[in-house]
């Protein structure tokens, strides 16, 4: 009788041990999953506080406005990189404010009329040079995260204005900015003098946004 009771107790004890071990393993796995989720990059991304537009503007002003940097790379006629990190990037990309130069290597548009000339002109006058960056208080970033800026050259001229005056850029009429009217006048002057691209550009070679805004532009030359 005692032997039967002993075997029964031993069997129950073994089952309890197995159940306990199963529970322990389950808890350990659950803890491991929780730790992984808590430390995963995706979770950190979700937990990262969203910066307001005002916070971004204030940060950009403190970091870039009225400060001098060296131009590390020329991407296009109206796009340059300066030698200061921007987040995880080693340089900060600047889109020149208020102008639009023809594309020189756009993945969809390809090479546009006078694009390579505009890019080469910008490269010649700013690559490796120290420039001063000026921002607008109401907006400092474009839709691709690029810094929107007026860039002052070592001779105190502004690259944005030089590109317009020499006929390498269009006054960008899609967005209002502090020198909107002045930039329109600079473009009109270059157009009247047949400077740069304005000497031979056709209506079909204008950027599409400008064709829509000024359907009769080239007829008025």
C-alpha atoms as a PDB file:
ATOM      1  CA  UNK A   1       0.000   0.000   0.000  1.00  0.00           C
ATOM      2  CA  UNK A   2       2.822   2.340   0.924  1.00  0.00           C
ATOM      3  CA  UNK A   3       4.622   1.515  -2.337  1.00  0.00           C
ATOM      4  CA  UNK A   4       1.562   2.418  -4.389  1.00  0.00           C
ATOM      5  CA  UNK A   5       1.143   5.674  -2.472  1.00  0.00           C
ATOM      6  CA  UNK A   6       4.839   6.445  -2.915  1.00  0.00           C
ATOM      7  CA  UNK A   7       4.681   5.808  -6.663  1.00  0.00           C
ATOM      8  CA  UNK A   8       1.555   7.979  -6.936  1.00  0.00           C
ATOM      9  CA  UNK A   9       3.158  10.831  -5.028  1.00  0.00           C
ATOM     10  CA  UNK A  10       6.338  10.491  -7.046  1.00  0.00           C
ATOM     11  CA  UNK A  11       4.355  10.651 -10.288  1.00  0.00           C
ATOM     12  CA  UNK A  12       2.419  13.723  -9.126  1.00  0.00           C
ATOM     13  CA  UNK A  13       5.662  15.368  -8.051  1.00  0.00           C
ATOM     14  CA  UNK A  14       7.230  14.706 -11.462  1.00  0.00           C
ATOM     15  CA  UNK A  15       4.197  16.221 -13.190  1.00  0.00           C
ATOM     16  CA  UNK A  16       4.375  19.277 -10.946  1.00  0.00           C
ATOM     17  CA  UNK A  17       8.070  19.682 -11.725  1.00  0.00           C
ATOM     18  CA  UNK A  18       7.400  19.465 -15.453  1.00  0.00           C
ATOM     19  CA  UNK A  19       4.569  21.971 -15.180  1.00  0.00           C
ATOM     20  CA  UNK A  20       6.772  24.293 -13.135  1.00  0.00           C
ATOM     21  CA  UNK A  21       9.610  23.990 -15.640  1.00  0.00           C
ATOM     22  CA  UNK A  22       7.206  24.738 -18.492  1.00  0.00           C
ATOM     23  CA  UNK A  23       5.934  27.838 -16.707  1.00  0.00           C
ATOM     24  CA  UNK A  24       9.497  29.005 -16.001  1.00  0.00           C
ATOM     25  CA  UNK A  25      10.516  28.523 -19.649  1.00  0.00           C
ATOM     26  CA  UNK A  26       7.408  30.378 -20.814  1.00  0.00           C
ATOM     27  CA  UNK A  27       8.117  33.287 -18.449  1.00  0.00           C
ATOM     28  CA  UNK A  28      11.749  33.461 -19.584  1.00  0.00           C
ATOM     29  CA  UNK A  29      10.694  33.523 -23.235  1.00  0.00           C
ATOM     30  CA  UNK A  30       8.098  36.192 -22.522  1.00  0.00           C
ATOM     31  CA  UNK A  31      10.697  38.293 -20.697  1.00  0.00           C
ATOM     32  CA  UNK A  32      13.149  37.911 -23.600  1.00  0.00           C
ATOM     33  CA  UNK A  33      10.523  39.009 -26.125  1.00  0.00           C
ATOM     34  CA  UNK A  34       9.592  42.006 -23.961  1.00  0.00           C
ATOM     35  CA  UNK A  35      13.255  43.058 -23.657  1.00  0.00           C
ATOM     36  CA  UNK A  36      13.764  42.695 -27.407  1.00  0.00           C
ATOM     37  CA  UNK A  37      10.701  44.778 -28.207  1.00  0.00           C
ATOM     38  CA  UNK A  38      11.694  47.423 -25.689  1.00  0.00           C
ATOM     39  CA  UNK A  39      15.149  47.765 -27.252  1.00  0.00           C
ATOM     40  CA  UNK A  40      14.242  47.313 -30.918  1.00  0.00           C
ATOM     41  CA  UNK A  41      14.925  50.237 -33.323  1.00  0.00           C
ATOM     42  CA  UNK A  42      11.294  50.134 -34.482  1.00  0.00           C
ATOM     43  CA  UNK A  43      10.075  50.706 -30.938  1.00  0.00           C
ATOM     44  CA  UNK A  44      12.538  53.517 -30.405  1.00  0.00           C
ATOM     45  CA  UNK A  45      11.331  55.100 -33.614  1.00  0.00           C
ATOM     46  CA  UNK A  46       7.754  54.942 -32.397  1.00  0.00           C
ATOM     47  CA  UNK A  47       8.698  56.356 -29.008  1.00  0.00           C
ATOM     48  CA  UNK A  48      10.810  59.184 -30.441  1.00  0.00           C
ATOM     49  CA  UNK A  49       9.034  62.463 -29.764  1.00  0.00           C
ATOM     50  CA  UNK A  50       7.788  64.240 -32.861  1.00  0.00           C
ATOM     51  CA  UNK A  51       9.437  67.608 -33.240  1.00  0.00           C
ATOM     52  CA  UNK A  52       7.125  70.501 -34.004  1.00  0.00           C
ATOM     53  CA  UNK A  53       7.842  72.767 -36.958  1.00  0.00           C
ATOM     54  CA  UNK A  54       8.746  75.585 -34.589  1.00  0.00           C
ATOM     55  CA  UNK A  55      11.277  73.350 -32.824  1.00  0.00           C
ATOM     56  CA  UNK A  56      12.887  72.479 -36.154  1.00  0.00           C
ATOM     57  CA  UNK A  57      13.023  76.136 -37.196  1.00  0.00           C
ATOM     58  CA  UNK A  58      14.526  77.241 -33.880  1.00  0.00           C
ATOM     59  CA  UNK A  59      17.105  74.447 -34.002  1.00  0.00           C
ATOM     60  CA  UNK A  60      18.074  75.283 -37.599  1.00  0.00           C
ATOM     61  CA  UNK A  61      18.403  78.979 -36.791  1.00  0.00           C
ATOM     62  CA  UNK A  62      20.718  78.314 -33.883  1.00  0.00           C
ATOM     63  CA  UNK A  63      22.831  75.905 -35.905  1.00  0.00           C
ATOM     64  CA  UNK A  64      23.007  77.516 -39.355  1.00  0.00           C
ATOM     65  CA  UNK A  65      21.676  81.082 -39.572  1.00  0.00           C
ATOM     66  CA  UNK A  66      24.295  83.779 -40.194  1.00  0.00           C
ATOM     67  CA  UNK A  67      27.088  81.226 -39.771  1.00  0.00           C
ATOM     68  CA  UNK A  68      29.998  80.393 -42.064  1.00  0.00           C
ATOM     69  CA  UNK A  69      30.565  76.939 -43.550  1.00  0.00           C
ATOM     70  CA  UNK A  70      32.678  75.403 -46.305  1.00  0.00           C
ATOM     71  CA  UNK A  71      30.979  74.011 -49.399  1.00  0.00           C
ATOM     72  CA  UNK A  72      31.916  70.333 -49.513  1.00  0.00           C
ATOM     73  CA  UNK A  73      29.993  69.296 -52.635  1.00  0.00           C
ATOM     74  CA  UNK A  74      27.900  70.711 -55.459  1.00  0.00           C
ATOM     75  CA  UNK A  75      24.971  68.450 -56.262  1.00  0.00           C
ATOM     76  CA  UNK A  76      23.291  70.619 -58.876  1.00  0.00           C
ATOM     77  CA  UNK A  77      23.055  74.246 -59.882  1.00  0.00           C
ATOM     78  CA  UNK A  78      20.736  75.040 -56.996  1.00  0.00           C
ATOM     79  CA  UNK A  79      21.797  72.360 -54.490  1.00  0.00           C
ATOM     80  CA  UNK A  80      24.993  72.210 -52.433  1.00  0.00           C
ATOM     81  CA  UNK A  81      26.371  70.403 -49.382  1.00  0.00           C
ATOM     82  CA  UNK A  82      28.126  72.213 -46.545  1.00  0.00           C
ATOM     83  CA  UNK A  83      30.623  70.663 -44.134  1.00  0.00           C
ATOM     84  CA  UNK A  84      28.456  70.259 -41.029  1.00  0.00           C
ATOM     85  CA  UNK A  85      26.571  67.093 -39.993  1.00  0.00           C
ATOM     86  CA  UNK A  86      22.789  67.054 -40.291  1.00  0.00           C
ATOM     87  CA  UNK A  87      21.379  64.256 -38.142  1.00  0.00           C
ATOM     88  CA  UNK A  88      23.017  61.018 -39.288  1.00  0.00           C
ATOM     89  CA  UNK A  89      24.381  62.641 -42.457  1.00  0.00           C
ATOM     90  CA  UNK A  90      27.953  63.889 -42.527  1.00  0.00           C
ATOM     91  CA  UNK A  91      27.020  67.047 -44.429  1.00  0.00           C
ATOM     92  CA  UNK A  92      24.016  69.361 -44.636  1.00  0.00           C
ATOM     93  CA  UNK A  93      22.264  69.654 -47.985  1.00  0.00           C
ATOM     94  CA  UNK A  94      21.091  73.142 -48.964  1.00  0.00           C
ATOM     95  CA  UNK A  95      18.484  73.941 -51.601  1.00  0.00           C
ATOM     96  CA  UNK A  96      18.998  77.542 -52.697  1.00  0.00           C
ATOM     97  CA  UNK A  97      15.892  79.504 -51.764  1.00  0.00           C
ATOM     98  CA  UNK A  98      13.823  81.350 -54.358  1.00  0.00           C
ATOM     99  CA  UNK A  99      15.400  79.936 -57.511  1.00  0.00           C
ATOM    100  CA  UNK A 100      15.239  76.844 -59.697  1.00  0.00           C
ATOM    101  CA  UNK A 101      18.065  75.784 -61.996  1.00  0.00           C
ATOM    102  CA  UNK A 102      17.626  73.269 -64.831  1.00  0.00           C
ATOM    103  CA  UNK A 103      18.237  69.658 -63.795  1.00  0.00           C
ATOM    104  CA  UNK A 104      21.618  68.158 -64.613  1.00  0.00           C
ATOM    105  CA  UNK A 105      21.061  64.558 -63.440  1.00  0.00           C
ATOM    106  CA  UNK A 106      17.467  64.070 -62.283  1.00  0.00           C
ATOM    107  CA  UNK A 107      16.475  60.356 -62.099  1.00  0.00           C
ATOM    108  CA  UNK A 108      13.149  61.005 -63.888  1.00  0.00           C
ATOM    109  CA  UNK A 109      13.666  64.248 -65.828  1.00  0.00           C
ATOM    110  CA  UNK A 110      17.208  63.458 -66.893  1.00  0.00           C
ATOM    111  CA  UNK A 111      19.447  66.255 -68.148  1.00  0.00           C
ATOM    112  CA  UNK A 112      17.571  69.470 -68.939  1.00  0.00           C
ATOM    113  CA  UNK A 113      18.654  72.294 -71.197  1.00  0.00           C
ATOM    114  CA  UNK A 114      21.442  74.317 -69.552  1.00  0.00           C
ATOM    115  CA  UNK A 115      21.458  72.020 -66.508  1.00  0.00           C
ATOM    116  CA  UNK A 116      25.121  70.958 -66.779  1.00  0.00           C
ATOM    117  CA  UNK A 117      26.164  74.575 -67.396  1.00  0.00           C
ATOM    118  CA  UNK A 118      24.334  75.747 -64.278  1.00  0.00           C
ATOM    119  CA  UNK A 119      25.850  72.982 -62.168  1.00  0.00           C
ATOM    120  CA  UNK A 120      29.354  73.735 -63.456  1.00  0.00           C
ATOM    121  CA  UNK A 121      28.919  77.459 -62.826  1.00  0.00           C
ATOM    122  CA  UNK A 122      27.869  76.844 -59.221  1.00  0.00           C
ATOM    123  CA  UNK A 123      30.732  74.387 -58.748  1.00  0.00           C
ATOM    124  CA  UNK A 124      33.251  76.886 -60.094  1.00  0.00           C
ATOM    125  CA  UNK A 125      32.296  79.703 -57.734  1.00  0.00           C
ATOM    126  CA  UNK A 126      31.500  77.883 -54.468  1.00  0.00           C
ATOM    127  CA  UNK A 127      33.145  74.454 -54.208  1.00  0.00           C
ATOM    128  CA  UNK A 128      35.660  74.524 -51.374  1.00  0.00           C
ATOM    129  CA  UNK A 129      34.774  78.140 -50.552  1.00  0.00           C
ATOM    130  CA  UNK A 130      33.465  79.503 -47.282  1.00  0.00           C
ATOM    131  CA  UNK A 131      29.910  80.790 -47.485  1.00  0.00           C
ATOM    132  CA  UNK A 132      27.469  82.380 -45.053  1.00  0.00           C
ATOM    133  CA  UNK A 133      24.034  80.796 -44.677  1.00  0.00           C
ATOM    134  CA  UNK A 134      20.854  82.808 -44.105  1.00  0.00           C
ATOM    135  CA  UNK A 135      17.476  81.274 -43.327  1.00  0.00           C
ATOM    136  CA  UNK A 136      13.865  82.459 -43.279  1.00  0.00           C
ATOM    137  CA  UNK A 137      12.094  82.450 -39.949  1.00  0.00           C
ATOM    138  CA  UNK A 138       8.810  80.953 -41.160  1.00  0.00           C
ATOM    139  CA  UNK A 139      10.321  77.938 -42.959  1.00  0.00           C
ATOM    140  CA  UNK A 140      13.765  76.339 -42.959  1.00  0.00           C
ATOM    141  CA  UNK A 141      13.220  72.937 -44.616  1.00  0.00           C
ATOM    142  CA  UNK A 142      11.800  71.713 -47.915  1.00  0.00           C
ATOM    143  CA  UNK A 143       9.736  68.582 -48.462  1.00  0.00           C
ATOM    144  CA  UNK A 144      12.865  66.431 -48.867  1.00  0.00           C
ATOM    145  CA  UNK A 145      14.360  67.687 -45.607  1.00  0.00           C
ATOM    146  CA  UNK A 146      16.869  69.937 -47.318  1.00  0.00           C
ATOM    147  CA  UNK A 147      17.789  73.242 -45.713  1.00  0.00           C
ATOM    148  CA  UNK A 148      16.285  76.208 -47.612  1.00  0.00           C
ATOM    149  CA  UNK A 149      18.729  79.098 -47.602  1.00  0.00           C
ATOM    150  CA  UNK A 150      20.194  82.208 -49.129  1.00  0.00           C
ATOM    151  CA  UNK A 151      23.939  81.622 -49.549  1.00  0.00           C
ATOM    152  CA  UNK A 152      26.336  84.552 -49.393  1.00  0.00           C
ATOM    153  CA  UNK A 153      29.629  84.268 -51.242  1.00  0.00           C
ATOM    154  CA  UNK A 154      33.011  85.486 -49.932  1.00  0.00           C
ATOM    155  CA  UNK A 155      32.631  88.676 -52.041  1.00  0.00           C
ATOM    156  CA  UNK A 156      29.312  89.439 -50.231  1.00  0.00           C
ATOM    157  CA  UNK A 157      27.173  88.625 -53.283  1.00  0.00           C
ATOM    158  CA  UNK A 158      24.454  86.005 -52.914  1.00  0.00           C
ATOM    159  CA  UNK A 159      24.723  82.839 -54.981  1.00  0.00           C
ATOM    160  CA  UNK A 160      20.943  82.794 -55.472  1.00  0.00           C
ATOM    161  CA  UNK A 161      21.034  86.255 -57.086  1.00  0.00           C
ATOM    162  CA  UNK A 162      24.172  85.618 -59.143  1.00  0.00           C
ATOM    163  CA  UNK A 163      22.602  82.537 -60.730  1.00  0.00           C
ATOM    164  CA  UNK A 164      19.531  84.580 -61.657  1.00  0.00           C
ATOM    165  CA  UNK A 165      21.484  87.574 -62.955  1.00  0.00           C
ATOM    166  CA  UNK A 166      23.763  85.444 -65.109  1.00  0.00           C
ATOM    167  CA  UNK A 167      20.906  83.452 -66.608  1.00  0.00           C
ATOM    168  CA  UNK A 168      21.605  80.114 -64.960  1.00  0.00           C
ATOM    169  CA  UNK A 169      18.376  79.959 -62.944  1.00  0.00           C
ATOM    170  CA  UNK A 170      14.667  80.771 -63.007  1.00  0.00           C
ATOM    171  CA  UNK A 171      12.984  82.796 -60.290  1.00  0.00           C
ATOM    172  CA  UNK A 172      10.937  80.158 -58.448  1.00  0.00           C
ATOM    173  CA  UNK A 173       7.369  81.498 -58.475  1.00  0.00           C
ATOM    174  CA  UNK A 174       5.862  78.495 -56.675  1.00  0.00           C
ATOM    175  CA  UNK A 175       6.739  79.653 -53.167  1.00  0.00           C
ATOM    176  CA  UNK A 176       6.712  83.092 -51.575  1.00  0.00           C
ATOM    177  CA  UNK A 177       9.856  84.315 -49.815  1.00  0.00           C
ATOM    178  CA  UNK A 178      11.444  87.549 -48.625  1.00  0.00           C
ATOM    179  CA  UNK A 179      12.960  88.495 -52.014  1.00  0.00           C
ATOM    180  CA  UNK A 180      10.200  87.189 -54.265  1.00  0.00           C
ATOM    181  CA  UNK A 181       9.670  90.413 -56.244  1.00  0.00           C
ATOM    182  CA  UNK A 182      13.399  91.177 -56.421  1.00  0.00           C
ATOM    183  CA  UNK A 183      14.132  87.719 -57.840  1.00  0.00           C
ATOM    184  CA  UNK A 184      11.410  88.149 -60.482  1.00  0.00           C
ATOM    185  CA  UNK A 185      13.074  91.395 -61.554  1.00  0.00           C
ATOM    186  CA  UNK A 186      16.528  89.797 -61.692  1.00  0.00           C
ATOM    187  CA  UNK A 187      15.185  87.040 -63.936  1.00  0.00           C
ATOM    188  CA  UNK A 188      13.382  89.538 -66.172  1.00  0.00           C
ATOM    189  CA  UNK A 189      16.606  91.531 -66.559  1.00  0.00           C
ATOM    190  CA  UNK A 190      18.600  88.417 -67.518  1.00  0.00           C
ATOM    191  CA  UNK A 191      15.876  87.413 -69.972  1.00  0.00           C
ATOM    192  CA  UNK A 192      15.846  90.849 -71.622  1.00  0.00           C
ATOM    193  CA  UNK A 193      19.640  90.733 -71.974  1.00  0.00           C
ATOM    194  CA  UNK A 194      19.604  87.157 -73.346  1.00  0.00           C
ATOM    195  CA  UNK A 195      21.960  86.063 -70.583  1.00  0.00           C
ATOM    196  CA  UNK A 196      22.865  82.413 -70.160  1.00  0.00           C
ATOM    197  CA  UNK A 197      20.009  80.022 -70.894  1.00  0.00           C
ATOM    198  CA  UNK A 198      17.763  82.895 -72.066  1.00  0.00           C
ATOM    199  CA  UNK A 199      19.736  83.256 -75.284  1.00  0.00           C
ATOM    200  CA  UNK A 200      18.373  80.087 -76.896  1.00  0.00           C
ATOM    201  CA  UNK A 201      15.938  78.332 -74.545  1.00  0.00           C
ATOM    202  CA  UNK A 202      12.604  77.310 -76.059  1.00  0.00           C
ATOM    203  CA  UNK A 203       9.254  77.189 -74.299  1.00  0.00           C
ATOM    204  CA  UNK A 204       9.362  73.371 -74.297  1.00  0.00           C
ATOM    205  CA  UNK A 205      12.724  73.461 -72.516  1.00  0.00           C
ATOM    206  CA  UNK A 206      11.393  75.493 -69.585  1.00  0.00           C
ATOM    207  CA  UNK A 207      10.536  73.567 -66.399  1.00  0.00           C
ATOM    208  CA  UNK A 208       6.951  72.294 -66.456  1.00  0.00           C
ATOM    209  CA  UNK A 209       5.874  74.444 -63.510  1.00  0.00           C
ATOM    210  CA  UNK A 210       7.033  77.553 -65.389  1.00  0.00           C
ATOM    211  CA  UNK A 211       5.318  76.475 -68.593  1.00  0.00           C
ATOM    212  CA  UNK A 212       2.065  76.256 -66.656  1.00  0.00           C
ATOM    213  CA  UNK A 213       2.568  79.596 -64.891  1.00  0.00           C
ATOM    214  CA  UNK A 214       3.799  81.489 -67.976  1.00  0.00           C
ATOM    215  CA  UNK A 215       2.363  79.854 -71.113  1.00  0.00           C
ATOM    216  CA  UNK A 216       3.389  82.807 -73.324  1.00  0.00           C
ATOM    217  CA  UNK A 217       6.718  83.661 -71.685  1.00  0.00           C
ATOM    218  CA  UNK A 218       8.977  83.019 -74.671  1.00  0.00           C
ATOM    219  CA  UNK A 219       6.683  84.889 -77.066  1.00  0.00           C
ATOM    220  CA  UNK A 220       7.361  88.073 -75.076  1.00  0.00           C
ATOM    221  CA  UNK A 221      11.135  87.989 -75.459  1.00  0.00           C
END
